[in-house]
Amino acid sequence: MNEELNTLEQLFSELLSIVKQSGGSEYTPQIRTIESILSCLRDNEFSDISKIEYVVSAHRELYPPRGGLSEFFIWDNDFQTRKQLNEPLDTVRDNIWGILKQYSV
């Protein structure tokens, strides 16, 4: 599980960078949630199980029924450029979900 936690830390760091760079002020709550996730993952006082439980719970907050990161993407008028800009974002989201889905109920 320790390797998964390290991978999650790396993935959420990438996600934070993308959202900060390309998102507007409307994504401030999601930025704070991602920062909170990273803080938990980096804190040595929590057990691995506690970290996973927190990350799974906080990850759900990033994707409310309306808004949130489910509607976040990087816009460019050129389709190919837009597709290229969003590939890293899609990869990070898919990889996070790939790890967390085994812990979600």
PDB file of N, CA and C in Angstrom:
ATOM      1  N   MET A   1       0.818  -1.191   0.000  1.00  0.00           N
ATOM      2  CA  MET A   1       0.000   0.000   0.000  1.00  0.00           C
ATOM      3  C   MET A   1       0.864   1.258   0.000  1.00  0.00           C
ATOM      4  N   ASN A   2       2.046   1.167   0.587  1.00  0.00           N
ATOM      5  CA  ASN A   2       2.933   2.330   0.652  1.00  0.00           C
ATOM      6  C   ASN A   2       3.274   2.846  -0.743  1.00  0.00           C
ATOM      7  N   GLU A   3       3.468   1.923  -1.671  1.00  0.00           N
ATOM      8  CA  GLU A   3       3.770   2.322  -3.055  1.00  0.00           C
ATOM      9  C   GLU A   3       2.569   3.038  -3.672  1.00  0.00           C
ATOM     10  N   GLU A   4       1.371   2.559  -3.379  1.00  0.00           N
ATOM     11  CA  GLU A   4       0.167   3.217  -3.877  1.00  0.00           C
ATOM     12  C   GLU A   4       0.049   4.627  -3.317  1.00  0.00           C
ATOM     13  N   LEU A   5       0.360   4.786  -2.047  1.00  0.00           N
ATOM     14  CA  LEU A   5       0.298   6.110  -1.430  1.00  0.00           C
ATOM     15  C   LEU A   5       1.295   7.056  -2.075  1.00  0.00           C
ATOM     16  N   ASN A   6       2.488   6.570  -2.356  1.00  0.00           N
ATOM     17  CA  ASN A   6       3.489   7.400  -3.036  1.00  0.00           C
ATOM     18  C   ASN A   6       3.018   7.784  -4.438  1.00  0.00           C
ATOM     19  N   THR A   7       2.413   6.834  -5.131  1.00  0.00           N
ATOM     20  CA  THR A   7       1.886   7.101  -6.464  1.00  0.00           C
ATOM     21  C   THR A   7       0.752   8.116  -6.394  1.00  0.00           C
ATOM     22  N   LEU A   8      -0.141   7.953  -5.406  1.00  0.00           N
ATOM     23  CA  LEU A   8      -1.230   8.908  -5.238  1.00  0.00           C
ATOM     24  C   LEU A   8      -0.703  10.309  -4.947  1.00  0.00           C
ATOM     25  N   GLU A   9       0.319  10.395  -4.127  1.00  0.00           N
ATOM     26  CA  GLU A   9       0.908  11.706  -3.832  1.00  0.00           C
ATOM     27  C   GLU A   9       1.423  12.356  -5.114  1.00  0.00           C
ATOM     28  N   GLN A  10       2.095  11.591  -5.923  1.00  0.00           N
ATOM     29  CA  GLN A  10       2.627  12.103  -7.187  1.00  0.00           C
ATOM     30  C   GLN A  10       1.489  12.525  -8.124  1.00  0.00           C
ATOM     31  N   LEU A  11       0.447  11.699  -8.219  1.00  0.00           N
ATOM     32  CA  LEU A  11      -0.673  11.995  -9.112  1.00  0.00           C
ATOM     33  C   LEU A  11      -1.450  13.232  -8.658  1.00  0.00           C
ATOM     34  N   PHE A  12      -1.706  13.339  -7.342  1.00  0.00           N
ATOM     35  CA  PHE A  12      -2.432  14.502  -6.849  1.00  0.00           C
ATOM     36  C   PHE A  12      -1.585  15.770  -6.973  1.00  0.00           C
ATOM     37  N   SER A  13      -0.277  15.644  -6.877  1.00  0.00           N
ATOM     38  CA  SER A  13       0.602  16.798  -7.106  1.00  0.00           C
ATOM     39  C   SER A  13       0.482  17.284  -8.549  1.00  0.00           C
ATOM     40  N   GLU A  14       0.463  16.340  -9.483  1.00  0.00           N
ATOM     41  CA  GLU A  14       0.289  16.693 -10.895  1.00  0.00           C
ATOM     42  C   GLU A  14      -1.077  17.322 -11.128  1.00  0.00           C
ATOM     43  N   LEU A  15      -2.107  16.734 -10.524  1.00  0.00           N
ATOM     44  CA  LEU A  15      -3.453  17.275 -10.674  1.00  0.00           C
ATOM     45  C   LEU A  15      -3.531  18.699 -10.128  1.00  0.00           C
ATOM     46  N   LEU A  16      -2.933  18.922  -8.974  1.00  0.00           N
ATOM     47  CA  LEU A  16      -2.917  20.255  -8.381  1.00  0.00           C
ATOM     48  C   LEU A  16      -2.248  21.259  -9.321  1.00  0.00           C
ATOM     49  N   SER A  17      -1.131  20.879  -9.882  1.00  0.00           N
ATOM     50  CA  SER A  17      -0.412  21.748 -10.797  1.00  0.00           C
ATOM     51  C   SER A  17      -1.266  22.105 -12.014  1.00  0.00           C
ATOM     52  N   ILE A  18      -1.946  21.123 -12.575  1.00  0.00           N
ATOM     53  CA  ILE A  18      -2.785  21.355 -13.754  1.00  0.00           C
ATOM     54  C   ILE A  18      -3.948  22.274 -13.413  1.00  0.00           C
ATOM     55  N   VAL A  19      -4.621  22.008 -12.304  1.00  0.00           N
ATOM     56  CA  VAL A  19      -5.798  22.809 -11.936  1.00  0.00           C
ATOM     57  C   VAL A  19      -5.389  24.235 -11.583  1.00  0.00           C
ATOM     58  N   LYS A  20      -4.274  24.392 -10.877  1.00  0.00           N
ATOM     59  CA  LYS A  20      -3.812  25.742 -10.542  1.00  0.00           C
ATOM     60  C   LYS A  20      -3.439  26.517 -11.798  1.00  0.00           C
ATOM     61  N   GLN A  21      -2.789  25.850 -12.729  1.00  0.00           N
ATOM     62  CA  GLN A  21      -2.306  26.511 -13.940  1.00  0.00           C
ATOM     63  C   GLN A  21      -3.441  26.843 -14.903  1.00  0.00           C
ATOM     64  N   SER A  22      -4.415  25.954 -15.027  1.00  0.00           N
ATOM     65  CA  SER A  22      -5.416  26.118 -16.087  1.00  0.00           C
ATOM     66  C   SER A  22      -6.822  26.404 -15.584  1.00  0.00           C
ATOM     67  N   GLY A  23      -7.052  26.281 -14.291  1.00  0.00           N
ATOM     68  CA  GLY A  23      -8.382  26.529 -13.745  1.00  0.00           C
ATOM     69  C   GLY A  23      -8.532  27.959 -13.278  1.00  0.00           C
ATOM     70  N   GLY A  24      -9.744  28.399 -13.204  1.00  0.00           N
ATOM     71  CA  GLY A  24     -10.008  29.741 -12.704  1.00  0.00           C
ATOM     72  C   GLY A  24     -10.292  29.716 -11.215  1.00  0.00           C
ATOM     73  N   SER A  25     -10.705  30.857 -10.712  1.00  0.00           N
ATOM     74  CA  SER A  25     -10.980  30.977  -9.287  1.00  0.00           C
ATOM     75  C   SER A  25     -12.162  30.112  -8.853  1.00  0.00           C
ATOM     76  N   GLU A  26     -12.985  29.671  -9.793  1.00  0.00           N
ATOM     77  CA  GLU A  26     -14.115  28.815  -9.442  1.00  0.00           C
ATOM     78  C   GLU A  26     -13.665  27.433  -8.953  1.00  0.00           C
ATOM     79  N   TYR A  27     -12.405  27.110  -9.173  1.00  0.00           N
ATOM     80  CA  TYR A  27     -11.873  25.813  -8.743  1.00  0.00           C
ATOM     81  C   TYR A  27     -11.106  25.902  -7.426  1.00  0.00           C
ATOM     82  N   THR A  28     -11.211  27.015  -6.741  1.00  0.00           N
ATOM     83  CA  THR A  28     -10.534  27.182  -5.449  1.00  0.00           C
ATOM     84  C   THR A  28     -10.923  26.092  -4.447  1.00  0.00           C
ATOM     85  N   PRO A  29     -12.201  25.708  -4.330  1.00  0.00           N
ATOM     86  CA  PRO A  29     -12.534  24.633  -3.383  1.00  0.00           C
ATOM     87  C   PRO A  29     -11.846  23.309  -3.732  1.00  0.00           C
ATOM     88  N   GLN A  30     -11.749  23.006  -5.015  1.00  0.00           N
ATOM     89  CA  GLN A  30     -11.085  21.768  -5.428  1.00  0.00           C
ATOM     90  C   GLN A  30      -9.586  21.847  -5.170  1.00  0.00           C
ATOM     91  N   ILE A  31      -8.998  23.012  -5.380  1.00  0.00           N
ATOM     92  CA  ILE A  31      -7.570  23.195  -5.099  1.00  0.00           C
ATOM     93  C   ILE A  31      -7.312  22.961  -3.615  1.00  0.00           C
ATOM     94  N   ARG A  32      -8.164  23.501  -2.768  1.00  0.00           N
ATOM     95  CA  ARG A  32      -8.004  23.308  -1.325  1.00  0.00           C
ATOM     96  C   ARG A  32      -8.155  21.833  -0.943  1.00  0.00           C
ATOM     97  N   THR A  33      -9.089  21.154  -1.576  1.00  0.00           N
ATOM     98  CA  THR A  33      -9.280  19.730  -1.291  1.00  0.00           C
ATOM     99  C   THR A  33      -8.055  18.927  -1.712  1.00  0.00           C
ATOM    100  N   ILE A  34      -7.514  19.219  -2.874  1.00  0.00           N
ATOM    101  CA  ILE A  34      -6.311  18.510  -3.338  1.00  0.00           C
ATOM    102  C   ILE A  34      -5.139  18.797  -2.404  1.00  0.00           C
ATOM    103  N   GLU A  35      -5.000  20.044  -1.976  1.00  0.00           N
ATOM    104  CA  GLU A  35      -3.929  20.385  -1.030  1.00  0.00           C
ATOM    105  C   GLU A  35      -4.114  19.638   0.292  1.00  0.00           C
ATOM    106  N   SER A  36      -5.349  19.483   0.711  1.00  0.00           N
ATOM    107  CA  SER A  36      -5.647  18.730   1.934  1.00  0.00           C
ATOM    108  C   SER A  36      -5.294  17.251   1.766  1.00  0.00           C
ATOM    109  N   ILE A  37      -5.595  16.705   0.607  1.00  0.00           N
ATOM    110  CA  ILE A  37      -5.236  15.314   0.311  1.00  0.00           C
ATOM    111  C   ILE A  37      -3.722  15.148   0.369  1.00  0.00           C
ATOM    112  N   LEU A  38      -3.008  16.060  -0.264  1.00  0.00           N
ATOM    113  CA  LEU A  38      -1.542  15.984  -0.263  1.00  0.00           C
ATOM    114  C   LEU A  38      -0.985  16.117   1.147  1.00  0.00           C
ATOM    115  N   SER A  39      -1.557  16.984   1.946  1.00  0.00           N
ATOM    116  CA  SER A  39      -1.119  17.148   3.326  1.00  0.00           C
ATOM    117  C   SER A  39      -1.293  15.845   4.103  1.00  0.00           C
ATOM    118  N   CYS A  40      -2.423  15.198   3.919  1.00  0.00           N
ATOM    119  CA  CYS A  40      -2.670  13.921   4.585  1.00  0.00           C
ATOM    120  C   CYS A  40      -1.670  12.860   4.125  1.00  0.00           C
ATOM    121  N   LEU A  41      -1.450  12.780   2.818  1.00  0.00           N
ATOM    122  CA  LEU A  41      -0.535  11.766   2.280  1.00  0.00           C
ATOM    123  C   LEU A  41       0.896  11.971   2.767  1.00  0.00           C
ATOM    124  N   ARG A  42       1.261  13.205   3.046  1.00  0.00           N
ATOM    125  CA  ARG A  42       2.624  13.516   3.477  1.00  0.00           C
ATOM    126  C   ARG A  42       2.801  13.454   4.990  1.00  0.00           C
ATOM    127  N   ASP A  43       1.707  13.343   5.725  1.00  0.00           N
ATOM    128  CA  ASP A  43       1.752  13.346   7.188  1.00  0.00           C
ATOM    129  C   ASP A  43       2.103  11.955   7.698  1.00  0.00           C
ATOM    130  N   ASN A  44       3.169  11.857   8.459  1.00  0.00           N
ATOM    131  CA  ASN A  44       3.626  10.567   8.980  1.00  0.00           C
ATOM    132  C   ASN A  44       2.867  10.103  10.213  1.00  0.00           C
ATOM    133  N   GLU A  45       1.979  10.941  10.728  1.00  0.00           N
ATOM    134  CA  GLU A  45       1.237  10.575  11.930  1.00  0.00           C
ATOM    135  C   GLU A  45       0.036   9.693  11.633  1.00  0.00           C
ATOM    136  N   PHE A  46      -0.409   9.638  10.377  1.00  0.00           N
ATOM    137  CA  PHE A  46      -1.561   8.825  10.006  1.00  0.00           C
ATOM    138  C   PHE A  46      -1.104   7.453   9.528  1.00  0.00           C
ATOM    139  N   SER A  47      -1.921   6.441   9.804  1.00  0.00           N
ATOM    140  CA  SER A  47      -1.632   5.102   9.286  1.00  0.00           C
ATOM    141  C   SER A  47      -1.974   5.068   7.796  1.00  0.00           C
ATOM    142  N   ASP A  48      -1.457   4.084   7.098  1.00  0.00           N
ATOM    143  CA  ASP A  48      -1.745   3.958   5.670  1.00  0.00           C
ATOM    144  C   ASP A  48      -3.243   3.790   5.429  1.00  0.00           C
ATOM    145  N   ILE A  49      -3.904   3.015   6.275  1.00  0.00           N
ATOM    146  CA  ILE A  49      -5.346   2.805   6.134  1.00  0.00           C
ATOM    147  C   ILE A  49      -6.094   4.129   6.309  1.00  0.00           C
ATOM    148  N   SER A  50      -5.717   4.903   7.313  1.00  0.00           N
ATOM    149  CA  SER A  50      -6.358   6.196   7.552  1.00  0.00           C
ATOM    150  C   SER A  50      -6.160   7.132   6.365  1.00  0.00           C
ATOM    151  N   LYS A  51      -4.974   7.106   5.797  1.00  0.00           N
ATOM    152  CA  LYS A  51      -4.694   7.947   4.634  1.00  0.00           C
ATOM    153  C   LYS A  51      -5.592   7.575   3.457  1.00  0.00           C
ATOM    154  N   ILE A  52      -5.692   6.288   3.170  1.00  0.00           N
ATOM    155  CA  ILE A  52      -6.527   5.829   2.058  1.00  0.00           C
ATOM    156  C   ILE A  52      -7.985   6.203   2.300  1.00  0.00           C
ATOM    157  N   GLU A  53      -8.468   5.994   3.520  1.00  0.00           N
ATOM    158  CA  GLU A  53      -9.859   6.340   3.834  1.00  0.00           C
ATOM    159  C   GLU A  53     -10.107   7.830   3.602  1.00  0.00           C
ATOM    160  N   TYR A  54      -9.174   8.660   4.045  1.00  0.00           N
ATOM    161  CA  TYR A  54      -9.331  10.097   3.864  1.00  0.00           C
ATOM    162  C   TYR A  54      -9.290  10.468   2.382  1.00  0.00           C
ATOM    163  N   VAL A  55      -8.341   9.913   1.651  1.00  0.00           N
ATOM    164  CA  VAL A  55      -8.193  10.244   0.233  1.00  0.00           C
ATOM    165  C   VAL A  55      -9.445   9.832  -0.547  1.00  0.00           C
ATOM    166  N   VAL A  56      -9.982   8.657  -0.271  1.00  0.00           N
ATOM    167  CA  VAL A  56     -11.195   8.203  -0.955  1.00  0.00           C
ATOM    168  C   VAL A  56     -12.348   9.162  -0.679  1.00  0.00           C
ATOM    169  N   SER A  57     -12.498   9.541   0.573  1.00  0.00           N
ATOM    170  CA  SER A  57     -13.573  10.456   0.959  1.00  0.00           C
ATOM    171  C   SER A  57     -13.390  11.840   0.321  1.00  0.00           C
ATOM    172  N   ALA A  58     -12.192  12.385   0.412  1.00  0.00           N
ATOM    173  CA  ALA A  58     -11.922  13.717  -0.142  1.00  0.00           C
ATOM    174  C   ALA A  58     -12.002  13.709  -1.670  1.00  0.00           C
ATOM    175  N   HIS A  59     -11.605  12.618  -2.284  1.00  0.00           N
ATOM    176  CA  HIS A  59     -11.665  12.509  -3.742  1.00  0.00           C
ATOM    177  C   HIS A  59     -13.103  12.658  -4.231  1.00  0.00           C
ATOM    178  N   ARG A  60     -14.050  12.097  -3.485  1.00  0.00           N
ATOM    179  CA  ARG A  60     -15.464  12.235  -3.845  1.00  0.00           C
ATOM    180  C   ARG A  60     -15.890  13.703  -3.854  1.00  0.00           C
ATOM    181  N   GLU A  61     -15.324  14.493  -2.948  1.00  0.00           N
ATOM    182  CA  GLU A  61     -15.666  15.916  -2.876  1.00  0.00           C
ATOM    183  C   GLU A  61     -15.232  16.680  -4.127  1.00  0.00           C
ATOM    184  N   LEU A  62     -14.255  16.160  -4.836  1.00  0.00           N
ATOM    185  CA  LEU A  62     -13.774  16.820  -6.047  1.00  0.00           C
ATOM    186  C   LEU A  62     -14.770  16.690  -7.200  1.00  0.00           C
ATOM    187  N   TYR A  63     -15.713  15.742  -7.077  1.00  0.00           N
ATOM    188  CA  TYR A  63     -16.643  15.447  -8.159  1.00  0.00           C
ATOM    189  C   TYR A  63     -18.088  15.476  -7.668  1.00  0.00           C
ATOM    190  N   PRO A  64     -18.572  16.667  -7.263  1.00  0.00           N
ATOM    191  CA  PRO A  64     -19.973  16.761  -6.846  1.00  0.00           C
ATOM    192  C   PRO A  64     -20.890  16.549  -8.054  1.00  0.00           C
ATOM    193  N   PRO A  65     -22.208  16.384  -7.809  1.00  0.00           N
ATOM    194  CA  PRO A  65     -23.132  16.157  -8.930  1.00  0.00           C
ATOM    195  C   PRO A  65     -23.074  17.246 -10.004  1.00  0.00           C
ATOM    196  N   ARG A  66     -22.836  18.469  -9.595  1.00  0.00           N
ATOM    197  CA  ARG A  66     -22.707  19.564 -10.570  1.00  0.00           C
ATOM    198  C   ARG A  66     -21.434  20.333 -10.271  1.00  0.00           C
ATOM    199  N   GLY A  67     -20.695  20.611 -11.314  1.00  0.00           N
ATOM    200  CA  GLY A  67     -19.461  21.374 -11.133  1.00  0.00           C
ATOM    201  C   GLY A  67     -18.308  20.474 -10.740  1.00  0.00           C
ATOM    202  N   GLY A  68     -17.345  21.071 -10.094  1.00  0.00           N
ATOM    203  CA  GLY A  68     -16.175  20.316  -9.662  1.00  0.00           C
ATOM    204  C   GLY A  68     -15.284  19.922 -10.828  1.00  0.00           C
ATOM    205  N   LEU A  69     -14.454  18.953 -10.579  1.00  0.00           N
ATOM    206  CA  LEU A  69     -13.477  18.545 -11.594  1.00  0.00           C
ATOM    207  C   LEU A  69     -14.077  17.696 -12.702  1.00  0.00           C
ATOM    208  N   SER A  70     -15.314  17.219 -12.518  1.00  0.00           N
ATOM    209  CA  SER A  70     -15.931  16.449 -13.596  1.00  0.00           C
ATOM    210  C   SER A  70     -16.179  17.329 -14.827  1.00  0.00           C
ATOM    211  N   GLU A  71     -16.295  18.636 -14.606  1.00  0.00           N
ATOM    212  CA  GLU A  71     -16.513  19.563 -15.717  1.00  0.00           C
ATOM    213  C   GLU A  71     -15.243  20.342 -16.083  1.00  0.00           C
ATOM    214  N   PHE A  72     -14.148  20.018 -15.454  1.00  0.00           N
ATOM    215  CA  PHE A  72     -12.898  20.746 -15.698  1.00  0.00           C
ATOM    216  C   PHE A  72     -12.164  20.168 -16.899  1.00  0.00           C
ATOM    217  N   PHE A  73     -11.809  21.029 -17.813  1.00  0.00           N
ATOM    218  CA  PHE A  73     -10.934  20.662 -18.923  1.00  0.00           C
ATOM    219  C   PHE A  73     -10.248  21.921 -19.409  1.00  0.00           C
ATOM    220  N   ILE A  74      -9.196  21.742 -20.168  1.00  0.00           N
ATOM    221  CA  ILE A  74      -8.412  22.866 -20.676  1.00  0.00           C
ATOM    222  C   ILE A  74      -8.913  23.190 -22.086  1.00  0.00           C
ATOM    223  N   TRP A  75      -9.319  24.440 -22.286  1.00  0.00           N
ATOM    224  CA  TRP A  75      -9.899  24.840 -23.563  1.00  0.00           C
ATOM    225  C   TRP A  75      -8.862  25.447 -24.499  1.00  0.00           C
ATOM    226  N   ASP A  76      -8.992  25.088 -25.763  1.00  0.00           N
ATOM    227  CA  ASP A  76      -8.275  25.732 -26.853  1.00  0.00           C
ATOM    228  C   ASP A  76      -9.187  25.619 -28.063  1.00  0.00           C
ATOM    229  N   ASN A  77      -9.211  26.637 -28.901  1.00  0.00           N
ATOM    230  CA  ASN A  77     -10.097  26.621 -30.063  1.00  0.00           C
ATOM    231  C   ASN A  77      -9.755  25.509 -31.052  1.00  0.00           C
ATOM    232  N   ASP A  78      -8.494  25.137 -31.120  1.00  0.00           N
ATOM    233  CA  ASP A  78      -8.066  24.068 -32.014  1.00  0.00           C
ATOM    234  C   ASP A  78      -8.281  22.716 -31.334  1.00  0.00           C
ATOM    235  N   PHE A  79      -9.041  21.837 -31.991  1.00  0.00           N
ATOM    236  CA  PHE A  79      -9.375  20.548 -31.397  1.00  0.00           C
ATOM    237  C   PHE A  79      -8.140  19.722 -31.063  1.00  0.00           C
ATOM    238  N   GLN A  80      -7.188  19.633 -31.962  1.00  0.00           N
ATOM    239  CA  GLN A  80      -5.996  18.817 -31.724  1.00  0.00           C
ATOM    240  C   GLN A  80      -5.179  19.354 -30.548  1.00  0.00           C
ATOM    241  N   THR A  81      -5.061  20.676 -30.487  1.00  0.00           N
ATOM    242  CA  THR A  81      -4.340  21.282 -29.371  1.00  0.00           C
ATOM    243  C   THR A  81      -5.072  21.010 -28.068  1.00  0.00           C
ATOM    244  N   ARG A  82      -6.396  21.172 -28.081  1.00  0.00           N
ATOM    245  CA  ARG A  82      -7.211  20.924 -26.888  1.00  0.00           C
ATOM    246  C   ARG A  82      -7.053  19.476 -26.434  1.00  0.00           C
ATOM    247  N   LYS A  83      -7.094  18.567 -27.380  1.00  0.00           N
ATOM    248  CA  LYS A  83      -6.928  17.145 -27.064  1.00  0.00           C
ATOM    249  C   LYS A  83      -5.555  16.885 -26.439  1.00  0.00           C
ATOM    250  N   GLN A  84      -4.533  17.480 -27.004  1.00  0.00           N
ATOM    251  CA  GLN A  84      -3.164  17.314 -26.502  1.00  0.00           C
ATOM    252  C   GLN A  84      -3.010  17.922 -25.108  1.00  0.00           C
ATOM    253  N   LEU A  85      -3.619  19.071 -24.873  1.00  0.00           N
ATOM    254  CA  LEU A  85      -3.525  19.730 -23.567  1.00  0.00           C
ATOM    255  C   LEU A  85      -4.246  18.936 -22.475  1.00  0.00           C
ATOM    256  N   ASN A  86      -5.311  18.234 -22.845  1.00  0.00           N
ATOM    257  CA  ASN A  86      -6.111  17.518 -21.857  1.00  0.00           C
ATOM    258  C   ASN A  86      -5.654  16.085 -21.610  1.00  0.00           C
ATOM    259  N   GLU A  87      -4.775  15.555 -22.446  1.00  0.00           N
ATOM    260  CA  GLU A  87      -4.289  14.191 -22.249  1.00  0.00           C
ATOM    261  C   GLU A  87      -3.644  13.975 -20.878  1.00  0.00           C
ATOM    262  N   PRO A  88      -2.733  14.853 -20.426  1.00  0.00           N
ATOM    263  CA  PRO A  88      -2.150  14.644 -19.097  1.00  0.00           C
ATOM    264  C   PRO A  88      -3.202  14.687 -17.988  1.00  0.00           C
ATOM    265  N   LEU A  89      -4.176  15.574 -18.100  1.00  0.00           N
ATOM    266  CA  LEU A  89      -5.246  15.666 -17.114  1.00  0.00           C
ATOM    267  C   LEU A  89      -6.055  14.370 -17.080  1.00  0.00           C
ATOM    268  N   ASP A  90      -6.433  13.874 -18.240  1.00  0.00           N
ATOM    269  CA  ASP A  90      -7.200  12.631 -18.315  1.00  0.00           C
ATOM    270  C   ASP A  90      -6.408  11.453 -17.757  1.00  0.00           C
ATOM    271  N   THR A  91      -5.126  11.404 -18.070  1.00  0.00           N
ATOM    272  CA  THR A  91      -4.272  10.325 -17.579  1.00  0.00           C
ATOM    273  C   THR A  91      -4.179  10.354 -16.059  1.00  0.00           C
ATOM    274  N   VAL A  92      -3.965  11.532 -15.484  1.00  0.00           N
ATOM    275  CA  VAL A  92      -3.873  11.659 -14.026  1.00  0.00           C
ATOM    276  C   VAL A  92      -5.177  11.225 -13.379  1.00  0.00           C
ATOM    277  N   ARG A  93      -6.302  11.721 -13.888  1.00  0.00           N
ATOM    278  CA  ARG A  93      -7.601  11.347 -13.315  1.00  0.00           C
ATOM    279  C   ARG A  93      -7.845   9.850 -13.420  1.00  0.00           C
ATOM    280  N   ASP A  94      -7.529   9.265 -14.573  1.00  0.00           N
ATOM    281  CA  ASP A  94      -7.723   7.822 -14.760  1.00  0.00           C
ATOM    282  C   ASP A  94      -6.842   7.015 -13.814  1.00  0.00           C
ATOM    283  N   ASN A  95      -5.600   7.448 -13.640  1.00  0.00           N
ATOM    284  CA  ASN A  95      -4.680   6.724 -12.759  1.00  0.00           C
ATOM    285  C   ASN A  95      -5.099   6.819 -11.296  1.00  0.00           C
ATOM    286  N   ILE A  96      -5.582   7.989 -10.885  1.00  0.00           N
ATOM    287  CA  ILE A  96      -6.079   8.140  -9.509  1.00  0.00           C
ATOM    288  C   ILE A  96      -7.266   7.202  -9.308  1.00  0.00           C
ATOM    289  N   TRP A  97      -8.207   7.224 -10.237  1.00  0.00           N
ATOM    290  CA  TRP A  97      -9.374   6.367 -10.127  1.00  0.00           C
ATOM    291  C   TRP A  97      -8.964   4.888 -10.141  1.00  0.00           C
ATOM    292  N   GLY A  98      -7.977   4.541 -10.949  1.00  0.00           N
ATOM    293  CA  GLY A  98      -7.509   3.160 -11.011  1.00  0.00           C
ATOM    294  C   GLY A  98      -7.032   2.634  -9.659  1.00  0.00           C
ATOM    295  N   ILE A  99      -6.452   3.501  -8.870  1.00  0.00           N
ATOM    296  CA  ILE A  99      -5.990   3.110  -7.536  1.00  0.00           C
ATOM    297  C   ILE A  99      -7.144   3.150  -6.536  1.00  0.00           C
ATOM    298  N   LEU A 100      -7.926   4.199  -6.549  1.00  0.00           N
ATOM    299  CA  LEU A 100      -8.945   4.394  -5.518  1.00  0.00           C
ATOM    300  C   LEU A 100     -10.184   3.505  -5.681  1.00  0.00           C
ATOM    301  N   LYS A 101     -10.469   3.037  -6.888  1.00  0.00           N
ATOM    302  CA  LYS A 101     -11.696   2.260  -7.080  1.00  0.00           C
ATOM    303  C   LYS A 101     -11.705   0.965  -6.266  1.00  0.00           C
ATOM    304  N   GLN A 102     -10.544   0.423  -5.974  1.00  0.00           N
ATOM    305  CA  GLN A 102     -10.516  -0.801  -5.177  1.00  0.00           C
ATOM    306  C   GLN A 102     -10.863  -0.551  -3.709  1.00  0.00           C
ATOM    307  N   TYR A 103     -10.803   0.699  -3.277  1.00  0.00           N
ATOM    308  CA  TYR A 103     -11.100   1.061  -1.893  1.00  0.00           C
ATOM    309  C   TYR A 103     -12.479   1.691  -1.746  1.00  0.00           C
ATOM    310  N   SER A 104     -13.124   2.023  -2.860  1.00  0.00           N
ATOM    311  CA  SER A 104     -14.440   2.677  -2.817  1.00  0.00           C
ATOM    312  C   SER A 104     -15.525   1.633  -2.623  1.00  0.00           C
ATOM    313  N   VAL A 105     -16.529   2.041  -1.876  1.00  0.00           N
ATOM    314  CA  VAL A 105     -17.656   1.135  -1.631  1.00  0.00           C
ATOM    315  C   VAL A 105     -18.854   1.589  -2.427  1.00  0.00           C
TER     316      VAL A 105
END
